[in-house]
């Protein structure tokens, strides 16, 4: 997080708080990386997500698409 400075007017941010602010691009990368780790580490999570789409398991392409969508989840803030 960026600390001790207010968010510049020309910057997109994702989180603000006592510790400072976190740029939108960095937050998006963090969220995507966490989901990618979760999908690789927890087969149950992947199977549940696949089940909502009517599949038995997630294919690698499906995981990649979900990670991409996770990265885009806060684009509306921009």
PDB file of N, CA and C in Angstrom:
ATOM      1  N   UNK A   1       0.832  -1.190   0.000  1.00  0.00           N
ATOM      2  CA  UNK A   1       0.000   0.000   0.000  1.00  0.00           C
ATOM      3  C   UNK A   1       0.866   1.239   0.000  1.00  0.00           C
ATOM      4  N   UNK A   2       0.380   2.251  -0.671  1.00  0.00           N
ATOM      5  CA  UNK A   2       1.035   3.561  -0.646  1.00  0.00           C
ATOM      6  C   UNK A   2       0.668   4.218   0.676  1.00  0.00           C
ATOM      7  N   UNK A   3       1.633   4.693   1.405  1.00  0.00           N
ATOM      8  CA  UNK A   3       1.354   5.269   2.724  1.00  0.00           C
ATOM      9  C   UNK A   3       1.681   6.750   2.774  1.00  0.00           C
ATOM     10  N   UNK A   4       1.085   7.418   3.722  1.00  0.00           N
ATOM     11  CA  UNK A   4       1.365   8.818   4.042  1.00  0.00           C
ATOM     12  C   UNK A   4       1.126   9.794   2.906  1.00  0.00           C
ATOM     13  N   UNK A   5       0.443   9.387   1.876  1.00  0.00           N
ATOM     14  CA  UNK A   5       0.116  10.324   0.809  1.00  0.00           C
ATOM     15  C   UNK A   5      -1.336  10.110   0.408  1.00  0.00           C
ATOM     16  N   UNK A   6      -2.032  11.186   0.093  1.00  0.00           N
ATOM     17  CA  UNK A   6      -3.395  11.011  -0.399  1.00  0.00           C
ATOM     18  C   UNK A   6      -3.363  10.412  -1.802  1.00  0.00           C
ATOM     19  N   UNK A   7      -4.469   9.838  -2.221  1.00  0.00           N
ATOM     20  CA  UNK A   7      -4.550   9.270  -3.565  1.00  0.00           C
ATOM     21  C   UNK A   7      -4.510  10.423  -4.567  1.00  0.00           C
ATOM     22  N   UNK A   8      -3.560  10.412  -5.501  1.00  0.00           N
ATOM     23  CA  UNK A   8      -3.541  11.465  -6.521  1.00  0.00           C
ATOM     24  C   UNK A   8      -4.807  11.416  -7.365  1.00  0.00           C
ATOM     25  N   UNK A   9      -5.247  12.554  -7.821  1.00  0.00           N
ATOM     26  CA  UNK A   9      -6.502  12.651  -8.576  1.00  0.00           C
ATOM     27  C   UNK A   9      -6.461  11.796  -9.839  1.00  0.00           C
ATOM     28  N   UNK A  10      -5.326  11.670 -10.476  1.00  0.00           N
ATOM     29  CA  UNK A  10      -5.203  10.953 -11.741  1.00  0.00           C
ATOM     30  C   UNK A  10      -4.941   9.451 -11.586  1.00  0.00           C
ATOM     31  N   UNK A  11      -4.946   8.927 -10.362  1.00  0.00           N
ATOM     32  CA  UNK A  11      -4.668   7.518 -10.128  1.00  0.00           C
ATOM     33  C   UNK A  11      -5.945   6.767  -9.767  1.00  0.00           C
ATOM     34  N   UNK A  12      -6.057   5.549 -10.267  1.00  0.00           N
ATOM     35  CA  UNK A  12      -7.166   4.678  -9.890  1.00  0.00           C
ATOM     36  C   UNK A  12      -6.737   3.863  -8.684  1.00  0.00           C
ATOM     37  N   UNK A  13      -7.598   3.783  -7.687  1.00  0.00           N
ATOM     38  CA  UNK A  13      -7.264   3.059  -6.468  1.00  0.00           C
ATOM     39  C   UNK A  13      -8.319   1.992  -6.205  1.00  0.00           C
ATOM     40  N   UNK A  14      -7.942   0.975  -5.429  1.00  0.00           N
ATOM     41  CA  UNK A  14      -8.861  -0.115  -5.105  1.00  0.00           C
ATOM     42  C   UNK A  14      -9.252  -0.094  -3.639  1.00  0.00           C
ATOM     43  N   UNK A  15      -8.309   0.189  -2.780  1.00  0.00           N
ATOM     44  CA  UNK A  15      -8.565   0.170  -1.336  1.00  0.00           C
ATOM     45  C   UNK A  15      -7.910   1.397  -0.712  1.00  0.00           C
ATOM     46  N   UNK A  16      -8.581   1.962   0.274  1.00  0.00           N
ATOM     47  CA  UNK A  16      -7.978   3.018   1.078  1.00  0.00           C
ATOM     48  C   UNK A  16      -8.249   2.714   2.537  1.00  0.00           C
ATOM     49  N   UNK A  17      -7.413   3.235   3.386  1.00  0.00           N
ATOM     50  CA  UNK A  17      -7.597   3.011   4.810  1.00  0.00           C
ATOM     51  C   UNK A  17      -6.487   3.654   5.596  1.00  0.00           C
ATOM     52  N   UNK A  18      -6.399   3.282   6.855  1.00  0.00           N
ATOM     53  CA  UNK A  18      -5.401   3.864   7.748  1.00  0.00           C
ATOM     54  C   UNK A  18      -3.983   3.596   7.251  1.00  0.00           C
ATOM     55  N   UNK A  19      -3.779   2.473   6.578  1.00  0.00           N
ATOM     56  CA  UNK A  19      -2.445   2.129   6.096  1.00  0.00           C
ATOM     57  C   UNK A  19      -2.091   2.840   4.798  1.00  0.00           C
ATOM     58  N   UNK A  20      -3.039   3.513   4.181  1.00  0.00           N
ATOM     59  CA  UNK A  20      -2.774   4.212   2.928  1.00  0.00           C
ATOM     60  C   UNK A  20      -3.728   3.759   1.838  1.00  0.00           C
ATOM     61  N   UNK A  21      -3.242   3.771   0.595  1.00  0.00           N
ATOM     62  CA  UNK A  21      -4.080   3.366  -0.531  1.00  0.00           C
ATOM     63  C   UNK A  21      -3.346   2.337  -1.379  1.00  0.00           C
ATOM     64  N   UNK A  22      -4.135   1.529  -2.092  1.00  0.00           N
ATOM     65  CA  UNK A  22      -3.611   0.431  -2.899  1.00  0.00           C
ATOM     66  C   UNK A  22      -4.063   0.672  -4.338  1.00  0.00           C
ATOM     67  N   UNK A  23      -3.133   0.790  -5.290  1.00  0.00           N
ATOM     68  CA  UNK A  23      -3.510   1.039  -6.681  1.00  0.00           C
ATOM     69  C   UNK A  23      -4.403  -0.077  -7.248  1.00  0.00           C
ATOM     70  N   UNK A  24      -5.321   0.307  -8.114  1.00  0.00           N
ATOM     71  CA  UNK A  24      -6.256  -0.644  -8.717  1.00  0.00           C
ATOM     72  C   UNK A  24      -5.526  -1.752  -9.467  1.00  0.00           C
ATOM     73  N   UNK A  25      -4.516  -1.410 -10.231  1.00  0.00           N
ATOM     74  CA  UNK A  25      -3.792  -2.418 -11.000  1.00  0.00           C
ATOM     75  C   UNK A  25      -3.135  -3.448 -10.079  1.00  0.00           C
ATOM     76  N   UNK A  26      -2.531  -2.988  -8.997  1.00  0.00           N
ATOM     77  CA  UNK A  26      -1.891  -3.913  -8.054  1.00  0.00           C
ATOM     78  C   UNK A  26      -2.929  -4.792  -7.358  1.00  0.00           C
ATOM     79  N   UNK A  27      -4.053  -4.208  -6.987  1.00  0.00           N
ATOM     80  CA  UNK A  27      -5.120  -4.981  -6.339  1.00  0.00           C
ATOM     81  C   UNK A  27      -5.658  -6.049  -7.286  1.00  0.00           C
ATOM     82  N   UNK A  28      -5.867  -5.685  -8.535  1.00  0.00           N
ATOM     83  CA  UNK A  28      -6.377  -6.642  -9.519  1.00  0.00           C
ATOM     84  C   UNK A  28      -5.411  -7.807  -9.698  1.00  0.00           C
ATOM     85  N   UNK A  29      -4.129  -7.512  -9.747  1.00  0.00           N
ATOM     86  CA  UNK A  29      -3.125  -8.575  -9.867  1.00  0.00           C
ATOM     87  C   UNK A  29      -3.119  -9.455  -8.624  1.00  0.00           C
ATOM     88  N   UNK A  30      -3.259  -8.844  -7.450  1.00  0.00           N
ATOM     89  CA  UNK A  30      -3.306  -9.619  -6.198  1.00  0.00           C
ATOM     90  C   UNK A  30      -4.483 -10.590  -6.186  1.00  0.00           C
ATOM     91  N   UNK A  31      -5.656 -10.089  -6.548  1.00  0.00           N
ATOM     92  CA  UNK A  31      -6.869 -10.911  -6.530  1.00  0.00           C
ATOM     93  C   UNK A  31      -6.737 -12.074  -7.511  1.00  0.00           C
ATOM     94  N   UNK A  32      -6.240 -11.794  -8.709  1.00  0.00           N
ATOM     95  CA  UNK A  32      -6.074 -12.848  -9.708  1.00  0.00           C
ATOM     96  C   UNK A  32      -5.088 -13.906  -9.217  1.00  0.00           C
ATOM     97  N   UNK A  33      -3.988 -13.476  -8.621  1.00  0.00           N
ATOM     98  CA  UNK A  33      -2.983 -14.422  -8.132  1.00  0.00           C
ATOM     99  C   UNK A  33      -3.538 -15.297  -7.014  1.00  0.00           C
ATOM    100  N   UNK A  34      -4.314 -14.708  -6.123  1.00  0.00           N
ATOM    101  CA  UNK A  34      -4.898 -15.487  -5.027  1.00  0.00           C
ATOM    102  C   UNK A  34      -5.876 -16.522  -5.568  1.00  0.00           C
ATOM    103  N   UNK A  35      -6.732 -16.124  -6.513  1.00  0.00           N
ATOM    104  CA  UNK A  35      -7.675 -17.102  -7.065  1.00  0.00           C
ATOM    105  C   UNK A  35      -6.937 -18.209  -7.790  1.00  0.00           C
ATOM    106  N   UNK A  36      -5.908 -17.863  -8.533  1.00  0.00           N
ATOM    107  CA  UNK A  36      -5.141 -18.902  -9.229  1.00  0.00           C
ATOM    108  C   UNK A  36      -4.551 -19.899  -8.240  1.00  0.00           C
ATOM    109  N   UNK A  37      -4.006 -19.415  -7.152  1.00  0.00           N
ATOM    110  CA  UNK A  37      -3.463 -20.304  -6.117  1.00  0.00           C
ATOM    111  C   UNK A  37      -4.552 -21.169  -5.497  1.00  0.00           C
ATOM    112  N   UNK A  38      -5.688 -20.560  -5.219  1.00  0.00           N
ATOM    113  CA  UNK A  38      -6.794 -21.325  -4.622  1.00  0.00           C
ATOM    114  C   UNK A  38      -7.284 -22.418  -5.551  1.00  0.00           C
ATOM    115  N   UNK A  39      -7.384 -22.113  -6.840  1.00  0.00           N
ATOM    116  CA  UNK A  39      -7.877 -23.111  -7.785  1.00  0.00           C
ATOM    117  C   UNK A  39      -6.895 -24.262  -7.956  1.00  0.00           C
ATOM    118  N   UNK A  40      -5.620 -24.008  -7.824  1.00  0.00           N
ATOM    119  CA  UNK A  40      -4.626 -25.074  -7.942  1.00  0.00           C
ATOM    120  C   UNK A  40      -4.477 -25.861  -6.651  1.00  0.00           C
ATOM    121  N   UNK A  41      -4.665 -25.184  -5.528  1.00  0.00           N
ATOM    122  CA  UNK A  41      -4.434 -25.834  -4.239  1.00  0.00           C
ATOM    123  C   UNK A  41      -5.653 -26.580  -3.706  1.00  0.00           C
ATOM    124  N   UNK A  42      -6.833 -26.193  -4.133  1.00  0.00           N
ATOM    125  CA  UNK A  42      -8.060 -26.750  -3.557  1.00  0.00           C
ATOM    126  C   UNK A  42      -8.935 -27.318  -4.664  1.00  0.00           C
ATOM    127  N   UNK A  43      -8.854 -28.623  -4.880  1.00  0.00           N
ATOM    128  CA  UNK A  43      -9.643 -29.266  -5.929  1.00  0.00           C
ATOM    129  C   UNK A  43     -11.131 -29.131  -5.667  1.00  0.00           C
ATOM    130  N   UNK A  44     -11.523 -29.064  -4.411  1.00  0.00           N
ATOM    131  CA  UNK A  44     -12.940 -28.945  -4.077  1.00  0.00           C
ATOM    132  C   UNK A  44     -13.518 -27.647  -4.607  1.00  0.00           C
ATOM    133  N   UNK A  45     -12.792 -26.553  -4.447  1.00  0.00           N
ATOM    134  CA  UNK A  45     -13.267 -25.262  -4.950  1.00  0.00           C
ATOM    135  C   UNK A  45     -13.441 -25.315  -6.456  1.00  0.00           C
ATOM    136  N   UNK A  46     -12.454 -25.846  -7.152  1.00  0.00           N
ATOM    137  CA  UNK A  46     -12.550 -25.970  -8.605  1.00  0.00           C
ATOM    138  C   UNK A  46     -13.706 -26.851  -9.037  1.00  0.00           C
ATOM    139  N   UNK A  47     -13.901 -27.954  -8.328  1.00  0.00           N
ATOM    140  CA  UNK A  47     -15.003 -28.860  -8.658  1.00  0.00           C
ATOM    141  C   UNK A  47     -16.360 -28.197  -8.429  1.00  0.00           C
ATOM    142  N   UNK A  48     -16.468 -27.427  -7.360  1.00  0.00           N
ATOM    143  CA  UNK A  48     -17.737 -26.731  -7.097  1.00  0.00           C
ATOM    144  C   UNK A  48     -18.029 -25.689  -8.171  1.00  0.00           C
ATOM    145  N   UNK A  49     -16.996 -24.938  -8.554  1.00  0.00           N
ATOM    146  CA  UNK A  49     -17.191 -23.949  -9.618  1.00  0.00           C
ATOM    147  C   UNK A  49     -17.542 -24.632 -10.935  1.00  0.00           C
ATOM    148  N   UNK A  50     -16.884 -25.748 -11.222  1.00  0.00           N
ATOM    149  CA  UNK A  50     -17.197 -26.498 -12.437  1.00  0.00           C
ATOM    150  C   UNK A  50     -18.635 -27.004 -12.392  1.00  0.00           C
ATOM    151  N   UNK A  51     -19.053 -27.483 -11.222  1.00  0.00           N
ATOM    152  CA  UNK A  51     -20.411 -27.990 -11.077  1.00  0.00           C
ATOM    153  C   UNK A  51     -21.470 -26.943 -11.368  1.00  0.00           C
ATOM    154  N   UNK A  52     -21.198 -25.686 -11.025  1.00  0.00           N
ATOM    155  CA  UNK A  52     -22.184 -24.631 -11.326  1.00  0.00           C
ATOM    156  C   UNK A  52     -22.320 -24.417 -12.822  1.00  0.00           C
ATOM    157  N   UNK A  53     -21.301 -24.822 -13.581  1.00  0.00           N
ATOM    158  CA  UNK A  53     -21.358 -24.703 -15.037  1.00  0.00           C
ATOM    159  C   UNK A  53     -21.760 -26.011 -15.697  1.00  0.00           C
ATOM    160  N   UNK A  54     -22.073 -27.009 -14.878  1.00  0.00           N
ATOM    161  CA  UNK A  54     -22.513 -28.292 -15.409  1.00  0.00           C
ATOM    162  C   UNK A  54     -21.382 -29.206 -15.846  1.00  0.00           C
ATOM    163  N   UNK A  55     -20.173 -28.957 -15.372  1.00  0.00           N
ATOM    164  CA  UNK A  55     -19.028 -29.804 -15.726  1.00  0.00           C
ATOM    165  C   UNK A  55     -18.537 -30.539 -14.474  1.00  0.00           C
ATOM    166  N   UNK A  56     -17.771 -31.598 -14.681  1.00  0.00           N
ATOM    167  CA  UNK A  56     -17.247 -32.370 -13.552  1.00  0.00           C
ATOM    168  C   UNK A  56     -16.026 -31.688 -12.932  1.00  0.00           C
ATOM    169  N   UNK A  57     -15.150 -31.162 -13.762  1.00  0.00           N
ATOM    170  CA  UNK A  57     -13.934 -30.491 -13.282  1.00  0.00           C
ATOM    171  C   UNK A  57     -13.650 -29.274 -14.150  1.00  0.00           C
ATOM    172  N   UNK A  58     -12.798 -28.403 -13.651  1.00  0.00           N
ATOM    173  CA  UNK A  58     -12.370 -27.247 -14.433  1.00  0.00           C
ATOM    174  C   UNK A  58     -11.207 -27.634 -15.338  1.00  0.00           C
ATOM    175  N   UNK A  59     -11.299 -27.261 -16.587  1.00  0.00           N
ATOM    176  CA  UNK A  59     -10.172 -27.435 -17.498  1.00  0.00           C
ATOM    177  C   UNK A  59      -9.189 -26.286 -17.263  1.00  0.00           C
ATOM    178  N   UNK A  60      -7.948 -26.415 -17.688  1.00  0.00           N
ATOM    179  CA  UNK A  60      -6.993 -25.313 -17.536  1.00  0.00           C
ATOM    180  C   UNK A  60      -7.502 -24.005 -18.157  1.00  0.00           C
ATOM    181  N   UNK A  61      -8.167 -24.100 -19.300  1.00  0.00           N
ATOM    182  CA  UNK A  61      -8.712 -22.897 -19.936  1.00  0.00           C
ATOM    183  C   UNK A  61      -9.800 -22.258 -19.069  1.00  0.00           C
ATOM    184  N   UNK A  62     -10.589 -23.088 -18.397  1.00  0.00           N
ATOM    185  CA  UNK A  62     -11.630 -22.569 -17.507  1.00  0.00           C
ATOM    186  C   UNK A  62     -11.002 -21.827 -16.329  1.00  0.00           C
ATOM    187  N   UNK A  63      -9.948 -22.411 -15.769  1.00  0.00           N
ATOM    188  CA  UNK A  63      -9.252 -21.740 -14.659  1.00  0.00           C
ATOM    189  C   UNK A  63      -8.694 -20.395 -15.116  1.00  0.00           C
ATOM    190  N   UNK A  64      -8.089 -20.383 -16.279  1.00  0.00           N
ATOM    191  CA  UNK A  64      -7.524 -19.129 -16.805  1.00  0.00           C
ATOM    192  C   UNK A  64      -8.596 -18.067 -16.992  1.00  0.00           C
ATOM    193  N   UNK A  65      -9.740 -18.468 -17.478  1.00  0.00           N
ATOM    194  CA  UNK A  65     -10.841 -17.514 -17.674  1.00  0.00           C
ATOM    195  C   UNK A  65     -11.336 -16.963 -16.343  1.00  0.00           C
ATOM    196  N   UNK A  66     -11.453 -17.823 -15.351  1.00  0.00           N
ATOM    197  CA  UNK A  66     -11.897 -17.364 -14.030  1.00  0.00           C
ATOM    198  C   UNK A  66     -10.895 -16.407 -13.400  1.00  0.00           C
ATOM    199  N   UNK A  67      -9.618 -16.704 -13.558  1.00  0.00           N
ATOM    200  CA  UNK A  67      -8.570 -15.814 -13.024  1.00  0.00           C
ATOM    201  C   UNK A  67      -8.632 -14.464 -13.724  1.00  0.00           C
ATOM    202  N   UNK A  68      -8.846 -14.474 -15.038  1.00  0.00           N
ATOM    203  CA  UNK A  68      -8.971 -13.229 -15.804  1.00  0.00           C
ATOM    204  C   UNK A  68     -10.172 -12.413 -15.311  1.00  0.00           C
ATOM    205  N   UNK A  69     -11.297 -13.068 -15.117  1.00  0.00           N
ATOM    206  CA  UNK A  69     -12.489 -12.367 -14.631  1.00  0.00           C
ATOM    207  C   UNK A  69     -12.286 -11.827 -13.215  1.00  0.00           C
ATOM    208  N   UNK A  70     -11.565 -12.574 -12.393  1.00  0.00           N
ATOM    209  CA  UNK A  70     -11.275 -12.091 -11.038  1.00  0.00           C
ATOM    210  C   UNK A  70     -10.452 -10.806 -11.107  1.00  0.00           C
ATOM    211  N   UNK A  71      -9.507 -10.758 -12.037  1.00  0.00           N
ATOM    212  CA  UNK A  71      -8.683  -9.547 -12.173  1.00  0.00           C
ATOM    213  C   UNK A  71      -9.531  -8.343 -12.599  1.00  0.00           C
ATOM    214  N   UNK A  72     -10.594  -8.587 -13.309  1.00  0.00           N
ATOM    215  CA  UNK A  72     -11.433  -7.492 -13.810  1.00  0.00           C
ATOM    216  C   UNK A  72     -12.530  -7.062 -12.818  1.00  0.00           C
ATOM    217  N   UNK A  73     -12.627  -7.711 -11.660  1.00  0.00           N
ATOM    218  CA  UNK A  73     -13.782  -7.528 -10.787  1.00  0.00           C
ATOM    219  C   UNK A  73     -13.981  -6.094 -10.294  1.00  0.00           C
ATOM    220  N   UNK A  74     -12.961  -5.275 -10.270  1.00  0.00           N
ATOM    221  CA  UNK A  74     -13.118  -3.895  -9.789  1.00  0.00           C
ATOM    222  C   UNK A  74     -12.978  -2.856 -10.897  1.00  0.00           C
ATOM    223  N   UNK A  75     -13.023  -3.262 -12.143  1.00  0.00           N
ATOM    224  CA  UNK A  75     -12.850  -2.309 -13.247  1.00  0.00           C
ATOM    225  C   UNK A  75     -13.922  -1.214 -13.244  1.00  0.00           C
ATOM    226  N   UNK A  76     -15.056  -1.491 -12.688  1.00  0.00           N
ATOM    227  CA  UNK A  76     -16.105  -0.479 -12.608  1.00  0.00           C
ATOM    228  C   UNK A  76     -15.687   0.716 -11.781  1.00  0.00           C
ATOM    229  N   UNK A  77     -14.722   0.537 -10.903  1.00  0.00           N
ATOM    230  CA  UNK A  77     -14.222   1.664 -10.098  1.00  0.00           C
ATOM    231  C   UNK A  77     -13.509   2.693 -10.973  1.00  0.00           C
ATOM    232  N   UNK A  78     -12.927   2.213 -12.075  1.00  0.00           N
ATOM    233  CA  UNK A  78     -12.206   3.122 -12.958  1.00  0.00           C
ATOM    234  C   UNK A  78     -13.190   3.932 -13.776  1.00  0.00           C
TER     235      UNK A  78
END
